[in-house]
N, C-alpha and C. Protein backbone atom coordinates (compact mmCIF):
# COMPACT_ATOMS: atom_id res chain seq x y z
N MET A 1 100.14 33.18 -52.89
CA MET A 1 99.69 34.52 -52.60
C MET A 1 100.79 35.49 -53.04
N TYR A 2 100.36 36.62 -53.58
CA TYR A 2 101.26 37.66 -54.04
C TYR A 2 101.02 38.90 -53.18
N VAL A 3 102.09 39.43 -52.62
CA VAL A 3 101.99 40.60 -51.77
C VAL A 3 102.41 41.82 -52.58
N LEU A 4 101.50 42.79 -52.67
CA LEU A 4 101.82 44.08 -53.27
C LEU A 4 102.06 45.04 -52.13
N ASN A 5 103.32 45.40 -51.96
CA ASN A 5 103.75 46.19 -50.82
C ASN A 5 103.99 47.64 -51.25
N PHE A 6 103.09 48.51 -50.84
CA PHE A 6 103.19 49.93 -51.17
C PHE A 6 103.76 50.72 -50.00
N SER A 7 104.54 50.06 -49.17
CA SER A 7 105.09 50.69 -47.97
C SER A 7 106.56 50.30 -47.84
N HIS A 8 107.06 50.32 -46.61
CA HIS A 8 108.46 49.98 -46.36
C HIS A 8 108.72 48.51 -46.70
N PRO A 9 109.94 48.17 -47.08
CA PRO A 9 110.25 46.76 -47.37
C PRO A 9 109.90 45.86 -46.19
N LEU A 10 109.42 44.67 -46.50
CA LEU A 10 109.04 43.71 -45.47
C LEU A 10 110.25 42.91 -45.02
N THR A 11 110.33 42.64 -43.73
CA THR A 11 111.40 41.82 -43.18
C THR A 11 111.01 40.35 -43.29
N GLU A 12 111.97 39.47 -43.10
CA GLU A 12 111.68 38.04 -43.11
C GLU A 12 110.70 37.66 -42.00
N PRO A 13 110.87 38.19 -40.76
CA PRO A 13 109.86 37.88 -39.73
C PRO A 13 108.45 38.35 -40.12
N GLN A 14 108.33 39.50 -40.76
CA GLN A 14 107.02 39.99 -41.20
C GLN A 14 106.43 39.06 -42.26
N LYS A 15 107.26 38.58 -43.18
CA LYS A 15 106.78 37.63 -44.19
C LYS A 15 106.28 36.35 -43.53
N SER A 16 107.00 35.89 -42.53
CA SER A 16 106.57 34.69 -41.79
C SER A 16 105.24 34.94 -41.08
N GLN A 17 105.08 36.13 -40.49
CA GLN A 17 103.82 36.48 -39.82
C GLN A 17 102.67 36.46 -40.82
N ILE A 18 102.90 36.99 -42.01
CA ILE A 18 101.86 37.00 -43.06
C ILE A 18 101.45 35.57 -43.39
N GLN A 19 102.43 34.72 -43.64
CA GLN A 19 102.13 33.33 -44.02
C GLN A 19 101.38 32.61 -42.91
N THR A 20 101.74 32.88 -41.66
CA THR A 20 101.04 32.26 -40.53
C THR A 20 99.60 32.75 -40.46
N LEU A 21 99.39 34.06 -40.60
CA LEU A 21 98.05 34.62 -40.51
C LEU A 21 97.14 34.18 -41.66
N VAL A 22 97.70 34.08 -42.85
CA VAL A 22 96.91 33.73 -44.03
C VAL A 22 96.81 32.21 -44.21
N GLY A 23 97.83 31.51 -43.80
CA GLY A 23 97.85 30.06 -43.99
C GLY A 23 98.24 29.65 -45.39
N LYS A 24 98.93 30.54 -46.10
CA LYS A 24 99.39 30.26 -47.46
C LYS A 24 100.82 30.75 -47.61
N THR A 25 101.50 30.19 -48.60
CA THR A 25 102.87 30.57 -48.90
C THR A 25 102.89 31.83 -49.76
N ILE A 26 103.82 32.71 -49.48
CA ILE A 26 104.02 33.89 -50.33
C ILE A 26 104.79 33.45 -51.56
N GLU A 27 104.20 33.67 -52.73
CA GLU A 27 104.87 33.35 -53.99
C GLU A 27 105.85 34.46 -54.38
N GLU A 28 105.40 35.70 -54.14
CA GLU A 28 106.23 36.85 -54.53
C GLU A 28 105.80 38.07 -53.73
N VAL A 29 106.78 38.90 -53.40
CA VAL A 29 106.52 40.21 -52.80
C VAL A 29 107.01 41.25 -53.79
N LYS A 30 106.10 42.11 -54.22
CA LYS A 30 106.48 43.24 -55.08
C LYS A 30 106.43 44.49 -54.22
N THR A 31 107.57 45.12 -54.02
CA THR A 31 107.61 46.37 -53.27
C THR A 31 107.58 47.51 -54.27
N ILE A 32 106.56 48.34 -54.15
CA ILE A 32 106.32 49.44 -55.08
C ILE A 32 106.54 50.75 -54.33
N THR A 33 107.45 51.56 -54.83
CA THR A 33 107.76 52.83 -54.19
C THR A 33 106.60 53.80 -54.35
N VAL A 34 106.20 54.40 -53.25
CA VAL A 34 105.15 55.42 -53.25
C VAL A 34 105.76 56.70 -52.71
N GLN A 35 106.02 57.63 -53.61
CA GLN A 35 106.55 58.94 -53.23
C GLN A 35 105.62 59.98 -53.84
N ILE A 36 104.87 60.66 -52.99
CA ILE A 36 103.84 61.59 -53.44
C ILE A 36 104.40 63.01 -53.49
N ASN A 37 104.17 63.68 -54.62
CA ASN A 37 104.51 65.09 -54.77
C ASN A 37 103.29 65.89 -54.34
N GLN A 38 103.40 66.60 -53.24
CA GLN A 38 102.26 67.34 -52.68
C GLN A 38 101.82 68.51 -53.57
N ASP A 39 102.64 68.90 -54.54
CA ASP A 39 102.29 70.00 -55.43
C ASP A 39 101.55 69.54 -56.69
N GLU A 40 101.35 68.23 -56.83
CA GLU A 40 100.70 67.66 -58.01
C GLU A 40 99.42 66.94 -57.61
N PRO A 41 98.45 66.81 -58.54
CA PRO A 41 97.23 66.05 -58.24
C PRO A 41 97.56 64.60 -57.87
N LEU A 42 96.81 64.07 -56.95
CA LEU A 42 97.08 62.74 -56.41
C LEU A 42 96.71 61.61 -57.37
N GLU A 43 95.54 61.70 -58.01
CA GLU A 43 95.07 60.59 -58.84
C GLU A 43 96.06 60.17 -59.93
N PRO A 44 96.59 61.11 -60.74
CA PRO A 44 97.53 60.66 -61.78
C PRO A 44 98.80 60.05 -61.20
N GLN A 45 99.22 60.52 -60.04
CA GLN A 45 100.41 59.94 -59.41
C GLN A 45 100.16 58.49 -59.02
N LEU A 46 98.98 58.23 -58.43
CA LEU A 46 98.65 56.87 -58.03
C LEU A 46 98.41 55.98 -59.24
N MET A 47 97.85 56.54 -60.32
CA MET A 47 97.66 55.76 -61.54
C MET A 47 99.01 55.30 -62.08
N ALA A 48 99.99 56.19 -62.08
CA ALA A 48 101.33 55.81 -62.55
C ALA A 48 101.94 54.75 -61.64
N ILE A 49 101.73 54.89 -60.33
CA ILE A 49 102.26 53.91 -59.38
C ILE A 49 101.63 52.55 -59.60
N ILE A 50 100.30 52.50 -59.72
CA ILE A 50 99.63 51.21 -59.89
C ILE A 50 99.97 50.59 -61.25
N ASN A 51 100.16 51.42 -62.27
CA ASN A 51 100.58 50.89 -63.58
C ASN A 51 101.97 50.28 -63.51
N SER A 52 102.82 50.81 -62.62
CA SER A 52 104.19 50.30 -62.50
C SER A 52 104.25 48.90 -61.89
N VAL A 53 103.14 48.44 -61.31
CA VAL A 53 103.11 47.08 -60.74
C VAL A 53 103.35 46.05 -61.83
N GLY A 54 102.84 46.31 -63.03
CA GLY A 54 103.12 45.46 -64.16
C GLY A 54 102.27 44.21 -64.29
N LEU A 55 101.12 44.17 -63.64
CA LEU A 55 100.23 43.02 -63.78
C LEU A 55 99.30 43.22 -64.98
N SER A 56 98.98 42.12 -65.65
CA SER A 56 98.02 42.17 -66.75
C SER A 56 96.61 42.26 -66.17
N SER A 57 95.65 42.57 -67.04
CA SER A 57 94.26 42.62 -66.60
C SER A 57 93.84 41.27 -66.00
N LYS A 58 94.24 40.19 -66.64
CA LYS A 58 93.90 38.85 -66.14
C LYS A 58 94.54 38.61 -64.77
N GLU A 59 95.80 39.00 -64.60
CA GLU A 59 96.48 38.80 -63.31
C GLU A 59 95.81 39.59 -62.20
N TRP A 60 95.43 40.84 -62.48
CA TRP A 60 94.73 41.63 -61.46
C TRP A 60 93.49 40.90 -60.98
N GLN A 61 92.79 40.25 -61.89
CA GLN A 61 91.51 39.63 -61.56
C GLN A 61 91.62 38.21 -61.02
N THR A 62 92.78 37.56 -61.19
CA THR A 62 92.86 36.15 -60.81
C THR A 62 93.91 35.81 -59.77
N LEU A 63 94.94 36.61 -59.62
CA LEU A 63 95.98 36.29 -58.63
C LEU A 63 95.46 36.52 -57.21
N PRO A 64 95.86 35.68 -56.26
CA PRO A 64 95.52 35.93 -54.86
C PRO A 64 96.43 37.03 -54.32
N LEU A 65 95.88 38.24 -54.19
CA LEU A 65 96.67 39.42 -53.82
C LEU A 65 96.41 39.83 -52.38
N LEU A 66 97.49 40.19 -51.70
CA LEU A 66 97.43 40.79 -50.37
C LEU A 66 98.13 42.13 -50.48
N ILE A 67 97.51 43.18 -49.97
CA ILE A 67 98.01 44.54 -50.12
C ILE A 67 98.56 45.07 -48.80
N ASN A 68 99.75 45.66 -48.87
CA ASN A 68 100.28 46.45 -47.77
C ASN A 68 100.17 47.90 -48.23
N PRO A 69 99.17 48.64 -47.73
CA PRO A 69 98.90 49.98 -48.27
C PRO A 69 99.95 51.00 -47.84
N PRO A 70 100.02 52.10 -48.57
CA PRO A 70 100.92 53.18 -48.15
C PRO A 70 100.43 53.80 -46.85
N GLY A 71 101.34 54.39 -46.11
CA GLY A 71 100.99 55.00 -44.84
C GLY A 71 100.24 56.32 -44.97
N TYR A 72 100.38 56.99 -46.09
CA TYR A 72 99.73 58.28 -46.31
C TYR A 72 98.27 58.02 -46.67
N ALA A 73 97.36 58.38 -45.77
CA ALA A 73 95.94 58.01 -45.89
C ALA A 73 95.30 58.41 -47.22
N PRO A 74 95.46 59.66 -47.71
CA PRO A 74 94.82 59.98 -48.99
C PRO A 74 95.31 59.07 -50.13
N ALA A 75 96.59 58.74 -50.14
CA ALA A 75 97.11 57.84 -51.17
C ALA A 75 96.52 56.45 -51.01
N ALA A 76 96.36 55.99 -49.77
CA ALA A 76 95.79 54.67 -49.52
C ALA A 76 94.35 54.59 -50.01
N PHE A 77 93.57 55.66 -49.80
CA PHE A 77 92.17 55.67 -50.25
C PHE A 77 92.08 55.63 -51.77
N VAL A 78 92.87 56.44 -52.44
CA VAL A 78 92.84 56.47 -53.91
C VAL A 78 93.32 55.13 -54.46
N LEU A 79 94.37 54.59 -53.87
CA LEU A 79 94.88 53.29 -54.29
C LEU A 79 93.81 52.22 -54.12
N LEU A 80 93.10 52.24 -53.01
CA LEU A 80 92.04 51.26 -52.76
C LEU A 80 90.96 51.33 -53.85
N ALA A 81 90.56 52.55 -54.22
CA ALA A 81 89.56 52.70 -55.29
C ALA A 81 90.07 52.12 -56.60
N MET A 82 91.33 52.38 -56.91
CA MET A 82 91.91 51.87 -58.15
C MET A 82 92.05 50.35 -58.12
N LEU A 83 92.45 49.81 -56.98
CA LEU A 83 92.56 48.35 -56.85
C LEU A 83 91.20 47.69 -57.03
N HIS A 84 90.18 48.26 -56.40
CA HIS A 84 88.82 47.72 -56.54
C HIS A 84 88.42 47.68 -58.01
N GLY A 85 88.72 48.75 -58.73
CA GLY A 85 88.39 48.80 -60.15
C GLY A 85 89.10 47.74 -60.96
N ARG A 86 90.34 47.46 -60.65
CA ARG A 86 91.11 46.47 -61.42
C ARG A 86 90.82 45.04 -60.99
N ILE A 87 90.66 44.83 -59.69
CA ILE A 87 90.46 43.48 -59.17
C ILE A 87 89.01 43.04 -59.33
N GLY A 88 88.08 43.98 -59.19
CA GLY A 88 86.66 43.65 -59.29
C GLY A 88 85.99 43.48 -57.94
N HIS A 89 86.76 43.61 -56.88
CA HIS A 89 86.24 43.54 -55.51
C HIS A 89 87.28 44.19 -54.61
N PHE A 90 86.94 44.36 -53.34
CA PHE A 90 87.90 44.92 -52.41
C PHE A 90 88.96 43.87 -52.08
N PRO A 91 90.22 44.27 -51.99
CA PRO A 91 91.29 43.32 -51.69
C PRO A 91 91.42 43.05 -50.19
N ALA A 92 92.24 42.07 -49.89
CA ALA A 92 92.66 41.86 -48.50
C ALA A 92 93.87 42.75 -48.25
N LEU A 93 93.96 43.27 -47.05
CA LEU A 93 95.14 44.06 -46.72
C LEU A 93 95.66 43.70 -45.34
N MET A 94 96.92 44.04 -45.14
CA MET A 94 97.54 43.74 -43.85
C MET A 94 97.58 44.99 -43.00
N ARG A 95 97.49 44.77 -41.69
CA ARG A 95 97.64 45.87 -40.72
C ARG A 95 98.88 45.58 -39.90
N MET A 96 99.69 46.60 -39.76
CA MET A 96 100.92 46.47 -38.98
C MET A 96 100.83 47.38 -37.77
N ARG A 97 101.55 47.00 -36.72
CA ARG A 97 101.60 47.84 -35.52
C ARG A 97 103.04 47.88 -35.02
N PRO A 98 103.36 48.97 -34.33
CA PRO A 98 104.72 49.08 -33.81
C PRO A 98 104.93 48.21 -32.57
N ILE A 99 106.15 47.76 -32.42
CA ILE A 99 106.61 47.10 -31.20
C ILE A 99 107.62 48.05 -30.59
N TYR A 100 107.30 48.56 -29.42
CA TYR A 100 108.13 49.58 -28.79
C TYR A 100 109.17 48.94 -27.88
N ASP A 101 110.20 48.39 -28.49
CA ASP A 101 111.38 47.92 -27.77
C ASP A 101 112.40 49.05 -27.82
N PRO A 102 113.61 48.83 -27.30
CA PRO A 102 114.61 49.89 -27.41
C PRO A 102 114.79 50.39 -28.85
N ILE A 103 114.62 49.47 -29.80
CA ILE A 103 114.62 49.85 -31.22
C ILE A 103 113.24 49.48 -31.76
N THR A 104 112.48 50.48 -32.18
CA THR A 104 111.12 50.23 -32.66
C THR A 104 111.15 49.38 -33.93
N SER A 105 110.27 48.39 -33.96
CA SER A 105 110.07 47.57 -35.15
C SER A 105 108.57 47.44 -35.36
N PHE A 106 108.19 46.76 -36.43
CA PHE A 106 106.77 46.60 -36.74
C PHE A 106 106.46 45.14 -36.99
N GLU A 107 105.26 44.74 -36.57
CA GLU A 107 104.80 43.38 -36.82
C GLU A 107 103.48 43.43 -37.57
N VAL A 108 103.22 42.36 -38.33
CA VAL A 108 101.95 42.22 -39.01
C VAL A 108 100.98 41.66 -37.99
N THR A 109 99.94 42.42 -37.68
CA THR A 109 99.04 42.03 -36.60
C THR A 109 97.74 41.40 -37.07
N GLU A 110 97.28 41.74 -38.27
CA GLU A 110 96.07 41.09 -38.78
C GLU A 110 95.96 41.27 -40.28
N ILE A 111 95.18 40.38 -40.87
CA ILE A 111 94.83 40.45 -42.29
C ILE A 111 93.35 40.80 -42.36
N LEU A 112 93.03 41.85 -43.08
CA LEU A 112 91.65 42.33 -43.19
C LEU A 112 91.11 42.02 -44.59
N ASN A 113 90.08 41.21 -44.66
CA ASN A 113 89.41 40.92 -45.92
C ASN A 113 88.36 42.01 -46.13
N LEU A 114 88.72 43.03 -46.89
CA LEU A 114 87.84 44.19 -47.04
C LEU A 114 86.54 43.86 -47.74
N GLN A 115 86.55 42.90 -48.66
CA GLN A 115 85.30 42.53 -49.32
C GLN A 115 84.33 41.93 -48.31
N HIS A 116 84.84 41.09 -47.44
CA HIS A 116 83.99 40.48 -46.41
C HIS A 116 83.46 41.55 -45.44
N ILE A 117 84.32 42.49 -45.08
CA ILE A 117 83.90 43.59 -44.21
C ILE A 117 82.80 44.40 -44.88
N ARG A 118 82.96 44.68 -46.17
CA ARG A 118 81.94 45.43 -46.92
C ARG A 118 80.61 44.68 -46.92
N GLU A 119 80.66 43.39 -47.20
CA GLU A 119 79.42 42.61 -47.27
C GLU A 119 78.71 42.57 -45.92
N ARG A 120 79.46 42.46 -44.85
CA ARG A 120 78.84 42.49 -43.51
C ARG A 120 78.25 43.86 -43.22
N ALA A 121 78.94 44.91 -43.64
CA ALA A 121 78.46 46.27 -43.39
C ALA A 121 77.16 46.55 -44.15
N ARG A 122 76.98 45.94 -45.30
CA ARG A 122 75.75 46.16 -46.09
C ARG A 122 74.51 45.67 -45.35
N THR A 123 74.66 44.74 -44.43
CA THR A 123 73.50 44.26 -43.67
C THR A 123 73.02 45.30 -42.66
N GLN A 124 73.80 46.35 -42.46
CA GLN A 124 73.45 47.39 -41.49
C GLN A 124 72.78 48.59 -42.13
N ARG A 125 72.43 48.48 -43.41
CA ARG A 125 71.78 49.60 -44.11
C ARG A 125 70.41 49.86 -43.53
């Protein structure tokens, strides 16, 4: 499994949580910086970011990808649309939640298979 991380760098405990939740070994984590200029259109910025990942068309369509989306919701939505276009279906993504100890940290709490969620939602039309 390949993790495309569009958020903060993942810790070793978070990587272990991912592997436990998915039941597969992480082959590679690519951390992609997402810095949005609020004075510029969003789509071209996200296109440049997704192009910087460096995957070929074949890799986008065949690698087992897990996405850690950016925290900025508009960027996450545009990124999701672009990923769907390149992958050919909705990707799986991770959800993280804070742990409020004296020093706040984050844990990976679930893996969401968005394609499966979409297919189940279609039965409610």
